[in-house]
Every structure is written in structure tokens, then in C-alpha cells.
């Protein structure tokens, strides 16, 4: 009886080992020939951020992390349409209403921030994209430090575009970062 239990236990262990190996091989095959080192940053290596079809690499880029965090807060305020949002308190009321109205047209469900950089005048700019279910708006957000605190400087927005058109155009481009900064 004890030999039968031991045999069953060994058979179960062998079955689990083979199953685990098969699943890991399937995952490796799904990944293709991409080595694990390219999928995950190594020790001491900076993280890799995803890339948006329109605005390019997402993440803070060359901008300070505090500026990126504030830009994210500003984008949250605009997307939510909250006139009283803390990050939008320094924005002129007419400008704030204009931007919220422009963004509200696409019924935004998410936003993306990327390619941050420090401008010559000391402000920090980020390429941004608001996305609704059918349309999106791309632009550039400027923030700056005022007495040691980050504040909204400007937001330049383009006209709304259909997401399907953007995706189709992105498939046939030779450059994978088609969005250009305003200056």
C-alpha cells in the first residue's frame, strides 16, 4: 500500500514537472525570440516605458519627477472636468473653462503623458494625449516652478481626431514618433 502511494506521488510530481515545463515553453514561444534581458530592466538599469503611437515614449523623460507628478495631477483635473481641482487653482478661470470644454468634447476616459523635457525658459513641457472611446486630443502641457512650487503654465491642444484614423496612420508610418512639439 505504501509503495502504491509513493508511486502515485512520484507520478504526480513528474506530471507537474512536465506540465510546468510545457507552460514555460509555450510562454517563451509566445514571446518569440525576444530575450528576457530585453523585456525586463537589469540591476541598476533605468526602467523602460511603453511607447504611444502618437506622442512617443511615455514617462517623465528628461523632466524632474516632481514636475511629472504635478503634470499628472493637472491632467487628472482637466480630464475629470473639475474647475476646483487643486492643480488647476493657478489657471485663469477663462483658460480653465476653455480647456475643459475642449477636452469634454471627446468624453475622455484616459490620458497619457510622455516625453518630458526642460525648456530653455525654465519651464518643463510634456507631450500629452487625452483619449475617449472614439476620439483623442493631443497637445503639449507646460509647467514651471513658482516660488518653489510647481504651477500650470500653458496647455496647447490640437483639434480632436478619430482614434481609428490615428491608429491606421500609425501603422503605415516609417517614423514611430510622429508627433512634433509646437516649437
Protein backbone atom coordinates (compact mmCIF):
# COMPACT_ATOMS: atom_id res chain seq x y z
CA UNK A 1 0.00 0.00 0.00
CA UNK A 2 2.81 2.36 0.89
CA UNK A 3 4.57 1.56 -2.41
CA UNK A 4 1.40 2.45 -4.34
CA UNK A 5 1.14 5.83 -2.57
CA UNK A 6 4.79 6.54 -3.24
CA UNK A 7 4.38 5.58 -6.90
CA UNK A 8 1.33 7.84 -7.24
CA UNK A 9 3.17 10.69 -5.55
CA UNK A 10 6.14 10.31 -7.89
CA UNK A 11 3.84 10.11 -10.91
CA UNK A 12 2.07 13.30 -9.81
CA UNK A 13 5.43 15.09 -9.34
CA UNK A 14 6.61 14.02 -12.78
CA UNK A 15 3.30 15.10 -14.35
CA UNK A 16 3.51 18.54 -12.65
CA UNK A 17 7.13 18.98 -13.73
CA UNK A 18 6.31 18.17 -17.34
CA UNK A 19 3.25 20.46 -17.28
CA UNK A 20 5.24 23.35 -15.82
CA UNK A 21 7.97 22.88 -18.42
CA UNK A 22 5.39 22.80 -21.23
CA UNK A 23 3.72 26.01 -19.99
CA UNK A 24 7.07 27.83 -19.74
CA UNK A 25 7.96 26.69 -23.25
CA UNK A 26 4.59 27.97 -24.52
CA UNK A 27 5.23 31.36 -22.87
CA UNK A 28 8.70 31.53 -24.41
CA UNK A 29 7.28 30.63 -27.83
CA UNK A 30 4.60 33.35 -27.50
CA UNK A 31 7.34 35.89 -26.72
CA UNK A 32 9.17 34.87 -29.84
CA UNK A 33 12.90 35.28 -29.93
CA UNK A 34 12.97 38.27 -27.55
CA UNK A 35 15.47 37.54 -24.78
CA UNK A 36 14.34 38.01 -21.19
CA UNK A 37 17.00 40.75 -20.75
CA UNK A 38 15.18 42.99 -23.20
CA UNK A 39 11.82 42.54 -21.54
CA UNK A 40 12.87 43.49 -18.03
CA UNK A 41 15.45 46.10 -16.95
CA UNK A 42 18.57 44.71 -15.32
CA UNK A 43 20.02 45.70 -11.98
CA UNK A 44 20.92 49.40 -11.97
CA UNK A 45 19.34 49.91 -15.39
CA UNK A 46 16.64 52.54 -15.85
CA UNK A 47 13.13 51.23 -16.47
CA UNK A 48 11.76 51.12 -20.00
CA UNK A 49 8.45 52.84 -20.56
CA UNK A 50 5.81 51.93 -23.12
CA UNK A 51 5.51 53.95 -26.31
CA UNK A 52 2.37 55.71 -27.53
CA UNK A 53 1.72 55.58 -31.29
CA UNK A 54 1.21 59.36 -31.41
CA UNK A 55 3.30 61.02 -28.67
CA UNK A 56 6.15 58.52 -28.40
CA UNK A 57 7.76 57.25 -25.20
CA UNK A 58 5.66 57.58 -22.08
CA UNK A 59 7.09 58.57 -18.74
CA UNK A 60 8.93 61.57 -17.37
CA UNK A 61 11.69 61.59 -19.99
CA UNK A 62 14.31 64.21 -19.07
CA UNK A 63 11.95 66.12 -16.79
CA UNK A 64 12.17 66.08 -12.98
CA UNK A 65 9.92 63.51 -11.28
CA UNK A 66 8.19 66.26 -9.26
CA UNK A 67 7.24 68.04 -12.50
CA UNK A 68 5.92 64.78 -13.93
CA UNK A 69 3.83 64.13 -10.81
CA UNK A 70 2.37 67.65 -10.98
CA UNK A 71 1.66 67.28 -14.72
CA UNK A 72 -0.19 64.06 -13.95
CA UNK A 73 -2.28 65.90 -11.35
CA UNK A 74 -3.09 68.66 -13.88
CA UNK A 75 -4.12 66.09 -16.48
CA UNK A 76 -6.35 64.37 -13.93
CA UNK A 77 -8.04 67.69 -13.15
CA UNK A 78 -8.64 68.51 -16.82
CA UNK A 79 -9.84 65.02 -17.66
CA UNK A 80 -12.27 64.99 -14.73
CA UNK A 81 -13.50 68.47 -15.69
CA UNK A 82 -13.09 69.72 -12.14
CA UNK A 83 -12.87 73.51 -12.12
CA UNK A 84 -11.92 73.45 -8.42
CA UNK A 85 -9.16 70.82 -8.78
CA UNK A 86 -6.12 71.74 -6.63
CA UNK A 87 -3.63 71.51 -9.53
CA UNK A 88 -5.77 73.85 -11.66
CA UNK A 89 -6.11 76.56 -8.99
CA UNK A 90 -3.39 78.71 -10.60
CA UNK A 91 -5.06 78.58 -14.04
CA UNK A 92 -7.02 81.61 -15.21
CA UNK A 93 -10.74 80.75 -14.98
CA UNK A 94 -11.47 81.50 -18.66
CA UNK A 95 -8.49 79.42 -19.81
CA UNK A 96 -9.50 76.59 -17.48
CA UNK A 97 -13.08 76.60 -18.81
CA UNK A 98 -11.85 76.68 -22.42
CA UNK A 99 -9.54 73.70 -21.95
CA UNK A 100 -12.13 71.69 -20.03
CA UNK A 101 -14.72 72.39 -22.76
CA UNK A 102 -12.28 71.33 -25.49
CA UNK A 103 -11.42 68.10 -23.68
CA UNK A 104 -15.03 67.34 -22.74
CA UNK A 105 -15.92 67.07 -26.47
CA UNK A 106 -14.14 63.69 -26.74
CA UNK A 107 -15.62 62.34 -23.48
CA UNK A 108 -12.20 61.37 -22.10
CA UNK A 109 -11.69 58.04 -20.37
CA UNK A 110 -7.89 58.16 -20.00
CA UNK A 111 -4.82 60.25 -20.65
CA UNK A 112 -1.15 59.69 -21.34
CA UNK A 113 1.88 61.81 -20.50
CA UNK A 114 5.27 61.42 -22.07
CA UNK A 115 8.48 62.87 -23.36
CA UNK A 116 9.07 65.44 -20.65
CA UNK A 117 11.87 67.93 -21.17
CA UNK A 118 13.18 71.12 -19.62
CA UNK A 119 12.73 74.12 -21.95
CA UNK A 120 15.19 77.00 -22.40
CA UNK A 121 12.99 79.39 -20.37
CA UNK A 122 12.99 77.01 -17.38
CA UNK A 123 9.53 75.59 -17.89
CA UNK A 124 9.04 71.85 -18.32
CA UNK A 125 6.95 70.53 -21.20
CA UNK A 126 5.22 67.19 -21.66
CA UNK A 127 3.57 65.74 -24.72
CA UNK A 128 0.07 64.74 -23.65
CA UNK A 129 -2.87 62.85 -25.07
CA UNK A 130 -6.46 62.65 -23.86
CA UNK A 131 -8.35 59.63 -25.18
CA UNK A 132 -12.07 58.97 -25.33
CA UNK A 133 -13.76 55.91 -26.76
CA UNK A 134 -13.78 57.27 -30.33
CA UNK A 135 -11.64 60.42 -30.37
CA UNK A 136 -8.46 61.78 -28.89
CA UNK A 137 -6.79 65.16 -28.40
CA UNK A 138 -3.03 65.59 -28.47
CA UNK A 139 -1.11 68.54 -27.13
CA UNK A 140 1.72 69.89 -25.05
CA UNK A 141 1.50 70.78 -21.36
CA UNK A 142 3.87 73.33 -19.80
CA UNK A 143 4.52 73.60 -16.06
CA UNK A 144 7.05 75.69 -14.14
CA UNK A 145 8.21 76.32 -10.62
CA UNK A 146 6.88 79.46 -8.96
CA UNK A 147 8.46 80.16 -5.56
CA UNK A 148 9.50 76.52 -5.25
CA UNK A 149 6.05 75.10 -6.11
CA UNK A 150 5.04 73.59 -9.45
CA UNK A 151 2.34 75.55 -11.28
CA UNK A 152 0.44 75.27 -14.55
CA UNK A 153 1.96 77.43 -17.29
CA UNK A 154 0.12 76.54 -20.53
CA UNK A 155 -1.64 73.78 -22.43
CA UNK A 156 -1.65 73.77 -26.23
CA UNK A 157 -4.22 71.41 -27.71
CA UNK A 158 -4.84 70.28 -31.26
CA UNK A 159 -8.24 69.52 -32.74
CA UNK A 160 -9.91 66.20 -31.77
CA UNK A 161 -9.11 63.26 -34.06
CA UNK A 162 -10.67 59.84 -34.51
CA UNK A 163 -8.66 57.15 -32.71
CA UNK A 164 -9.21 54.73 -35.61
CA UNK A 165 -7.60 57.22 -38.03
CA UNK A 166 -4.63 57.75 -35.68
CA UNK A 167 -4.12 54.00 -35.31
CA UNK A 168 -4.31 53.43 -39.06
CA UNK A 169 -1.87 56.26 -39.77
CA UNK A 170 0.47 54.92 -37.09
CA UNK A 171 0.61 51.51 -38.80
CA UNK A 172 1.95 52.94 -42.05
CA UNK A 173 4.50 55.43 -40.76
CA UNK A 174 8.22 54.97 -41.05
CA UNK A 175 8.84 57.14 -38.01
CA UNK A 176 7.41 55.72 -34.84
CA UNK A 177 7.24 59.06 -33.06
CA UNK A 178 5.16 61.17 -35.43
CA UNK A 179 4.06 63.89 -33.02
CA UNK A 180 6.20 67.02 -33.12
CA UNK A 181 6.48 69.65 -30.46
CA UNK A 182 4.93 73.04 -31.17
CA UNK A 183 8.32 74.80 -31.29
